[in-house]
């Protein structure tokens, strides 16, 4: 899996580099410091995943994502930000964005998000879910996604489990896929059912599909 990092903060960029270099299935192809450089790098070489900051000089991350949708449509973008309240106002039309995450997330959650996105799933933390929904399907953003008290509280693990439910996987199969115990998976599903006010796994899977959570 080829990964490009785009962030103008050298320290944060170096930390991401160190993290990714420890993973045998993740191949870092480069680090750049602006959206314009990210655009050039993604059109010059194969890139599967682009980890990109929103706030950068010489073209911000959102502008770069919109241009990349036409220039390199196969690149899946994970947007990172430290300022969710100001940066996530309008991502409409950027359907190549597969994740919207705050920079203070745990390293393991970032690695999990990368692998989920590589498999075609979408990932967002509490602050980023409404923005991601607008990016992926702006004409069908449901009011329930914006207003439901639990719709913006799906963790990366929750979204991974929802993706497995859509595939009809059992608790045991899900546990193996997400590297958690079967008991943890069962507990997570029960909590998701309770918070979403749904009756069974099928309804939960349909809810996830209807509201573009995976």
C-alpha atoms as a PDB file:
ATOM      1  CA  UNK A   1       0.000   0.000   0.000  1.00  0.00           C
ATOM      2  CA  UNK A   2       1.633   3.257  -1.153  1.00  0.00           C
ATOM      3  CA  UNK A   3       1.177   6.207   1.203  1.00  0.00           C
ATOM      4  CA  UNK A   4       2.012   9.884   0.781  1.00  0.00           C
ATOM      5  CA  UNK A   5       2.133  12.371   3.682  1.00  0.00           C
ATOM      6  CA  UNK A   6       1.223  16.015   3.097  1.00  0.00           C
ATOM      7  CA  UNK A   7       1.687  18.314   6.088  1.00  0.00           C
ATOM      8  CA  UNK A   8       3.554  21.606   6.458  1.00  0.00           C
ATOM      9  CA  UNK A   9       4.474  20.883  10.093  1.00  0.00           C
ATOM     10  CA  UNK A  10       7.828  19.132   9.877  1.00  0.00           C
ATOM     11  CA  UNK A  11       7.649  17.612  13.355  1.00  0.00           C
ATOM     12  CA  UNK A  12       4.216  16.077  12.815  1.00  0.00           C
ATOM     13  CA  UNK A  13       5.276  14.879   9.376  1.00  0.00           C
ATOM     14  CA  UNK A  14       8.340  13.172  10.852  1.00  0.00           C
ATOM     15  CA  UNK A  15       6.218  11.503  13.529  1.00  0.00           C
ATOM     16  CA  UNK A  16       3.903  10.098  10.863  1.00  0.00           C
ATOM     17  CA  UNK A  17       6.906   8.906   8.890  1.00  0.00           C
ATOM     18  CA  UNK A  18       8.318   7.063  11.922  1.00  0.00           C
ATOM     19  CA  UNK A  19       4.953   5.456  12.624  1.00  0.00           C
ATOM     20  CA  UNK A  20       4.394   4.234   9.081  1.00  0.00           C
ATOM     21  CA  UNK A  21       7.929   2.923   8.618  1.00  0.00           C
ATOM     22  CA  UNK A  22       7.280   0.382  11.381  1.00  0.00           C
ATOM     23  CA  UNK A  23       4.420  -1.236   9.427  1.00  0.00           C
ATOM     24  CA  UNK A  24       5.450  -3.854   6.879  1.00  0.00           C
ATOM     25  CA  UNK A  25       2.310  -3.480   4.735  1.00  0.00           C
ATOM     26  CA  UNK A  26       2.537   0.327   4.487  1.00  0.00           C
ATOM     27  CA  UNK A  27       5.022   1.793   2.009  1.00  0.00           C
ATOM     28  CA  UNK A  28       5.797   5.481   2.407  1.00  0.00           C
ATOM     29  CA  UNK A  29       6.455   6.989  -1.032  1.00  0.00           C
ATOM     30  CA  UNK A  30       7.138  10.541   0.097  1.00  0.00           C
ATOM     31  CA  UNK A  31       6.470  13.535   2.322  1.00  0.00           C
ATOM     32  CA  UNK A  32       5.429  16.975   1.050  1.00  0.00           C
ATOM     33  CA  UNK A  33       4.529  20.265   2.693  1.00  0.00           C
ATOM     34  CA  UNK A  34       1.631  21.705   0.679  1.00  0.00           C
ATOM     35  CA  UNK A  35      -1.479  20.781  -1.233  1.00  0.00           C
ATOM     36  CA  UNK A  36       0.133  21.755  -4.516  1.00  0.00           C
ATOM     37  CA  UNK A  37       3.076  19.423  -3.834  1.00  0.00           C
ATOM     38  CA  UNK A  38       0.639  16.655  -2.899  1.00  0.00           C
ATOM     39  CA  UNK A  39      -1.186  17.132  -6.205  1.00  0.00           C
ATOM     40  CA  UNK A  40       2.074  16.918  -8.127  1.00  0.00           C
ATOM     41  CA  UNK A  41       3.269  13.839  -6.216  1.00  0.00           C
ATOM     42  CA  UNK A  42       0.002  11.933  -6.652  1.00  0.00           C
ATOM     43  CA  UNK A  43      -0.047  12.518 -10.395  1.00  0.00           C
ATOM     44  CA  UNK A  44       3.615  11.539 -10.806  1.00  0.00           C
ATOM     45  CA  UNK A  45       3.589   8.158  -9.033  1.00  0.00           C
ATOM     46  CA  UNK A  46       1.173   5.487  -7.761  1.00  0.00           C
ATOM     47  CA  UNK A  47      -0.374   6.591  -4.444  1.00  0.00           C
ATOM     48  CA  UNK A  48      -3.091   4.581  -2.691  1.00  0.00           C
ATOM     49  CA  UNK A  49      -3.538   6.646   0.461  1.00  0.00           C
ATOM     50  CA  UNK A  50      -2.845  10.341   1.007  1.00  0.00           C
ATOM     51  CA  UNK A  51      -2.568  11.503   4.619  1.00  0.00           C
ATOM     52  CA  UNK A  52      -3.169  15.220   4.255  1.00  0.00           C
ATOM     53  CA  UNK A  53      -3.450  18.136   6.646  1.00  0.00           C
ATOM     54  CA  UNK A  54      -6.239  20.604   5.913  1.00  0.00           C
ATOM     55  CA  UNK A  55      -4.321  23.776   6.765  1.00  0.00           C
ATOM     56  CA  UNK A  56      -1.299  24.147   4.492  1.00  0.00           C
ATOM     57  CA  UNK A  57       0.247  26.967   2.467  1.00  0.00           C
ATOM     58  CA  UNK A  58       0.145  27.105  -1.332  1.00  0.00           C
ATOM     59  CA  UNK A  59      -3.183  25.200  -1.607  1.00  0.00           C
ATOM     60  CA  UNK A  60      -4.965  23.774   1.428  1.00  0.00           C
ATOM     61  CA  UNK A  61      -5.972  20.160   1.859  1.00  0.00           C
ATOM     62  CA  UNK A  62      -9.603  20.577   0.826  1.00  0.00           C
ATOM     63  CA  UNK A  63      -8.682  22.397  -2.387  1.00  0.00           C
ATOM     64  CA  UNK A  64      -6.088  19.736  -3.152  1.00  0.00           C
ATOM     65  CA  UNK A  65      -8.653  16.973  -2.551  1.00  0.00           C
ATOM     66  CA  UNK A  66     -11.090  18.555  -5.001  1.00  0.00           C
ATOM     67  CA  UNK A  67      -8.385  18.805  -7.681  1.00  0.00           C
ATOM     68  CA  UNK A  68      -7.189  15.267  -7.013  1.00  0.00           C
ATOM     69  CA  UNK A  69     -10.672  13.906  -7.580  1.00  0.00           C
ATOM     70  CA  UNK A  70     -10.187  14.714 -11.269  1.00  0.00           C
ATOM     71  CA  UNK A  71      -6.404  14.379 -11.553  1.00  0.00           C
ATOM     72  CA  UNK A  72      -5.897  11.171  -9.547  1.00  0.00           C
ATOM     73  CA  UNK A  73      -9.333   9.712  -8.716  1.00  0.00           C
ATOM     74  CA  UNK A  74      -7.990   6.430  -7.321  1.00  0.00           C
ATOM     75  CA  UNK A  75      -6.171   8.169  -4.443  1.00  0.00           C
ATOM     76  CA  UNK A  76      -8.053   7.797  -1.167  1.00  0.00           C
ATOM     77  CA  UNK A  77      -7.588  10.809   1.083  1.00  0.00           C
ATOM     78  CA  UNK A  78      -7.461  10.880   4.889  1.00  0.00           C
ATOM     79  CA  UNK A  79      -7.835  14.466   6.047  1.00  0.00           C
ATOM     80  CA  UNK A  80      -6.190  15.398   9.336  1.00  0.00           C
ATOM     81  CA  UNK A  81      -6.926  18.556  11.282  1.00  0.00           C
ATOM     82  CA  UNK A  82      -6.355  20.134  14.683  1.00  0.00           C
ATOM     83  CA  UNK A  83      -9.172  22.661  14.220  1.00  0.00           C
ATOM     84  CA  UNK A  84     -12.387  20.744  13.586  1.00  0.00           C
ATOM     85  CA  UNK A  85     -14.700  23.633  14.398  1.00  0.00           C
ATOM     86  CA  UNK A  86     -13.121  25.839  11.721  1.00  0.00           C
ATOM     87  CA  UNK A  87     -11.836  23.400   9.125  1.00  0.00           C
ATOM     88  CA  UNK A  88     -14.781  21.053   8.637  1.00  0.00           C
ATOM     89  CA  UNK A  89     -17.434  23.481   7.495  1.00  0.00           C
ATOM     90  CA  UNK A  90     -17.663  22.509   3.818  1.00  0.00           C
ATOM     91  CA  UNK A  91     -16.210  19.417   2.176  1.00  0.00           C
ATOM     92  CA  UNK A  92     -19.085  19.024  -0.268  1.00  0.00           C
ATOM     93  CA  UNK A  93     -18.217  17.199  -3.458  1.00  0.00           C
ATOM     94  CA  UNK A  94     -14.889  15.800  -2.293  1.00  0.00           C
ATOM     95  CA  UNK A  95     -15.976  12.171  -2.638  1.00  0.00           C
ATOM     96  CA  UNK A  96     -12.376  10.971  -2.699  1.00  0.00           C
ATOM     97  CA  UNK A  97     -12.078  11.859   0.992  1.00  0.00           C
ATOM     98  CA  UNK A  98     -12.382   8.583   2.922  1.00  0.00           C
ATOM     99  CA  UNK A  99     -11.593   9.821   6.435  1.00  0.00           C
ATOM    100  CA  UNK A 100     -11.767  12.988   8.496  1.00  0.00           C
ATOM    101  CA  UNK A 101      -9.760  12.699  11.699  1.00  0.00           C
ATOM    102  CA  UNK A 102      -8.451  14.964  14.432  1.00  0.00           C
ATOM    103  CA  UNK A 103      -4.695  15.023  14.870  1.00  0.00           C
ATOM    104  CA  UNK A 104      -4.901  14.038  18.522  1.00  0.00           C
ATOM    105  CA  UNK A 105      -6.067  10.507  17.719  1.00  0.00           C
ATOM    106  CA  UNK A 106      -4.131   7.494  18.977  1.00  0.00           C
ATOM    107  CA  UNK A 107      -1.490   6.047  16.643  1.00  0.00           C
ATOM    108  CA  UNK A 108      -3.240   2.664  16.538  1.00  0.00           C
ATOM    109  CA  UNK A 109      -6.497   4.323  15.518  1.00  0.00           C
ATOM    110  CA  UNK A 110      -4.738   6.091  12.661  1.00  0.00           C
ATOM    111  CA  UNK A 111      -3.217   2.832  11.415  1.00  0.00           C
ATOM    112  CA  UNK A 112      -6.608   1.149  11.654  1.00  0.00           C
ATOM    113  CA  UNK A 113      -8.222   4.030   9.751  1.00  0.00           C
ATOM    114  CA  UNK A 114      -5.631   3.754   6.977  1.00  0.00           C
ATOM    115  CA  UNK A 115      -6.316   0.053   6.508  1.00  0.00           C
ATOM    116  CA  UNK A 116     -10.087   0.548   6.624  1.00  0.00           C
ATOM    117  CA  UNK A 117      -9.911   3.222   3.942  1.00  0.00           C
ATOM    118  CA  UNK A 118      -7.674   1.018   1.824  1.00  0.00           C
ATOM    119  CA  UNK A 119     -10.498  -1.543   1.916  1.00  0.00           C
ATOM    120  CA  UNK A 120     -13.054   0.974   0.720  1.00  0.00           C
ATOM    121  CA  UNK A 121     -14.585   1.992   4.047  1.00  0.00           C
ATOM    122  CA  UNK A 122     -15.081   5.512   5.376  1.00  0.00           C
ATOM    123  CA  UNK A 123     -13.850   6.621   8.794  1.00  0.00           C
ATOM    124  CA  UNK A 124     -14.531   9.663  10.941  1.00  0.00           C
ATOM    125  CA  UNK A 125     -14.354  10.588  14.577  1.00  0.00           C
ATOM    126  CA  UNK A 126     -17.098  12.444  16.415  1.00  0.00           C
ATOM    127  CA  UNK A 127     -16.164  15.857  15.039  1.00  0.00           C
ATOM    128  CA  UNK A 128     -15.605  14.743  11.481  1.00  0.00           C
ATOM    129  CA  UNK A 129     -18.590  12.516  10.639  1.00  0.00           C
ATOM    130  CA  UNK A 130     -21.048  15.212   9.439  1.00  0.00           C
ATOM    131  CA  UNK A 131     -18.339  16.768   7.256  1.00  0.00           C
ATOM    132  CA  UNK A 132     -17.422  13.374   5.792  1.00  0.00           C
ATOM    133  CA  UNK A 133     -21.079  12.656   5.006  1.00  0.00           C
ATOM    134  CA  UNK A 134     -21.313  15.946   3.113  1.00  0.00           C
ATOM    135  CA  UNK A 135     -18.131  15.132   1.191  1.00  0.00           C
ATOM    136  CA  UNK A 136     -19.133  11.634   0.161  1.00  0.00           C
ATOM    137  CA  UNK A 137     -22.771  12.240  -0.731  1.00  0.00           C
ATOM    138  CA  UNK A 138     -23.751  15.922  -0.406  1.00  0.00           C
ATOM    139  CA  UNK A 139     -27.124  15.519  -2.131  1.00  0.00           C
ATOM    140  CA  UNK A 140     -28.242  12.777   0.249  1.00  0.00           C
ATOM    141  CA  UNK A 141     -27.052  13.965   3.642  1.00  0.00           C
ATOM    142  CA  UNK A 142     -29.776  12.854   5.979  1.00  0.00           C
ATOM    143  CA  UNK A 143     -31.058  15.087   8.730  1.00  0.00           C
ATOM    144  CA  UNK A 144     -30.739  12.064  10.985  1.00  0.00           C
ATOM    145  CA  UNK A 145     -27.002  11.932  10.362  1.00  0.00           C
ATOM    146  CA  UNK A 146     -26.736  15.579  11.344  1.00  0.00           C
ATOM    147  CA  UNK A 147     -29.096  15.483  14.287  1.00  0.00           C
ATOM    148  CA  UNK A 148     -29.157  11.920  15.660  1.00  0.00           C
ATOM    149  CA  UNK A 149     -27.506  12.010  19.100  1.00  0.00           C
ATOM    150  CA  UNK A 150     -25.352   8.965  18.380  1.00  0.00           C
ATOM    151  CA  UNK A 151     -24.650   9.361  14.671  1.00  0.00           C
ATOM    152  CA  UNK A 152     -21.542  11.470  15.259  1.00  0.00           C
ATOM    153  CA  UNK A 153     -20.126   9.217  17.941  1.00  0.00           C
ATOM    154  CA  UNK A 154     -18.887   6.294  15.863  1.00  0.00           C
ATOM    155  CA  UNK A 155     -15.278   5.422  16.606  1.00  0.00           C
ATOM    156  CA  UNK A 156     -13.009   3.827  13.981  1.00  0.00           C
ATOM    157  CA  UNK A 157     -13.710   0.452  15.616  1.00  0.00           C
ATOM    158  CA  UNK A 158     -17.479   1.060  15.461  1.00  0.00           C
ATOM    159  CA  UNK A 159     -17.262   1.851  11.759  1.00  0.00           C
ATOM    160  CA  UNK A 160     -15.146  -1.228  11.134  1.00  0.00           C
ATOM    161  CA  UNK A 161     -17.726  -3.400  12.899  1.00  0.00           C
ATOM    162  CA  UNK A 162     -20.535  -1.785  10.882  1.00  0.00           C
ATOM    163  CA  UNK A 163     -18.644  -2.600   7.693  1.00  0.00           C
ATOM    164  CA  UNK A 164     -18.401  -6.226   8.793  1.00  0.00           C
ATOM    165  CA  UNK A 165     -22.112  -6.356   9.651  1.00  0.00           C
ATOM    166  CA  UNK A 166     -22.956  -5.181   6.153  1.00  0.00           C
ATOM    167  CA  UNK A 167     -20.992  -8.142   4.842  1.00  0.00           C
ATOM    168  CA  UNK A 168     -23.074 -10.511   6.994  1.00  0.00           C
ATOM    169  CA  UNK A 169     -20.174 -11.578   9.195  1.00  0.00           C
ATOM    170  CA  UNK A 170     -20.718 -13.344  12.536  1.00  0.00           C
ATOM    171  CA  UNK A 171     -19.374 -12.017  15.841  1.00  0.00           C
ATOM    172  CA  UNK A 172     -16.499 -14.481  15.669  1.00  0.00           C
ATOM    173  CA  UNK A 173     -15.605 -13.452  12.118  1.00  0.00           C
ATOM    174  CA  UNK A 174     -15.799  -9.776  13.055  1.00  0.00           C
ATOM    175  CA  UNK A 175     -13.576 -10.364  16.093  1.00  0.00           C
ATOM    176  CA  UNK A 176     -10.927 -11.947  13.876  1.00  0.00           C
ATOM    177  CA  UNK A 177     -11.182  -9.125  11.339  1.00  0.00           C
ATOM    178  CA  UNK A 178     -10.830  -6.273  13.848  1.00  0.00           C
ATOM    179  CA  UNK A 179      -8.403  -8.025  16.211  1.00  0.00           C
ATOM    180  CA  UNK A 180     -10.635  -7.702  19.283  1.00  0.00           C
ATOM    181  CA  UNK A 181     -12.262 -10.364  21.438  1.00  0.00           C
ATOM    182  CA  UNK A 182     -15.650 -11.762  20.502  1.00  0.00           C
ATOM    183  CA  UNK A 183     -17.005 -10.396  23.783  1.00  0.00           C
ATOM    184  CA  UNK A 184     -15.861  -6.874  22.907  1.00  0.00           C
ATOM    185  CA  UNK A 185     -17.514  -7.128  19.497  1.00  0.00           C
ATOM    186  CA  UNK A 186     -20.777  -8.356  21.018  1.00  0.00           C
ATOM    187  CA  UNK A 187     -20.714  -5.535  23.560  1.00  0.00           C
ATOM    188  CA  UNK A 188     -20.030  -2.913  20.875  1.00  0.00           C
ATOM    189  CA  UNK A 189     -22.891  -4.165  18.718  1.00  0.00           C
ATOM    190  CA  UNK A 190     -25.271  -4.115  21.687  1.00  0.00           C
ATOM    191  CA  UNK A 191     -24.251  -0.547  22.482  1.00  0.00           C
ATOM    192  CA  UNK A 192     -24.691   0.541  18.857  1.00  0.00           C
ATOM    193  CA  UNK A 193     -28.161  -1.001  18.775  1.00  0.00           C
ATOM    194  CA  UNK A 194     -29.126   0.731  22.001  1.00  0.00           C
ATOM    195  CA  UNK A 195     -27.796   4.153  21.037  1.00  0.00           C
ATOM    196  CA  UNK A 196     -29.312   3.981  17.536  1.00  0.00           C
ATOM    197  CA  UNK A 197     -32.664   2.750  18.890  1.00  0.00           C
ATOM    198  CA  UNK A 198     -32.627  -0.233  16.531  1.00  0.00           C
ATOM    199  CA  UNK A 199     -33.799  -3.806  17.111  1.00  0.00           C
ATOM    200  CA  UNK A 200     -31.307  -6.115  15.407  1.00  0.00           C
ATOM    201  CA  UNK A 201     -28.095  -6.449  13.396  1.00  0.00           C
ATOM    202  CA  UNK A 202     -29.906  -6.219  10.068  1.00  0.00           C
ATOM    203  CA  UNK A 203     -31.460  -2.883  10.985  1.00  0.00           C
ATOM    204  CA  UNK A 204     -28.064  -1.654  12.174  1.00  0.00           C
ATOM    205  CA  UNK A 205     -26.434  -2.633   8.874  1.00  0.00           C
ATOM    206  CA  UNK A 206     -29.199  -0.912   6.910  1.00  0.00           C
ATOM    207  CA  UNK A 207     -28.834   2.177   9.088  1.00  0.00           C
ATOM    208  CA  UNK A 208     -25.115   2.310   8.292  1.00  0.00           C
ATOM    209  CA  UNK A 209     -25.784   1.980   4.552  1.00  0.00           C
ATOM    210  CA  UNK A 210     -28.641   4.470   4.507  1.00  0.00           C
ATOM    211  CA  UNK A 211     -26.600   7.123   6.270  1.00  0.00           C
ATOM    212  CA  UNK A 212     -23.363   6.442   4.380  1.00  0.00           C
ATOM    213  CA  UNK A 213     -21.390   5.525   7.498  1.00  0.00           C
ATOM    214  CA  UNK A 214     -19.417   2.843   5.643  1.00  0.00           C
END
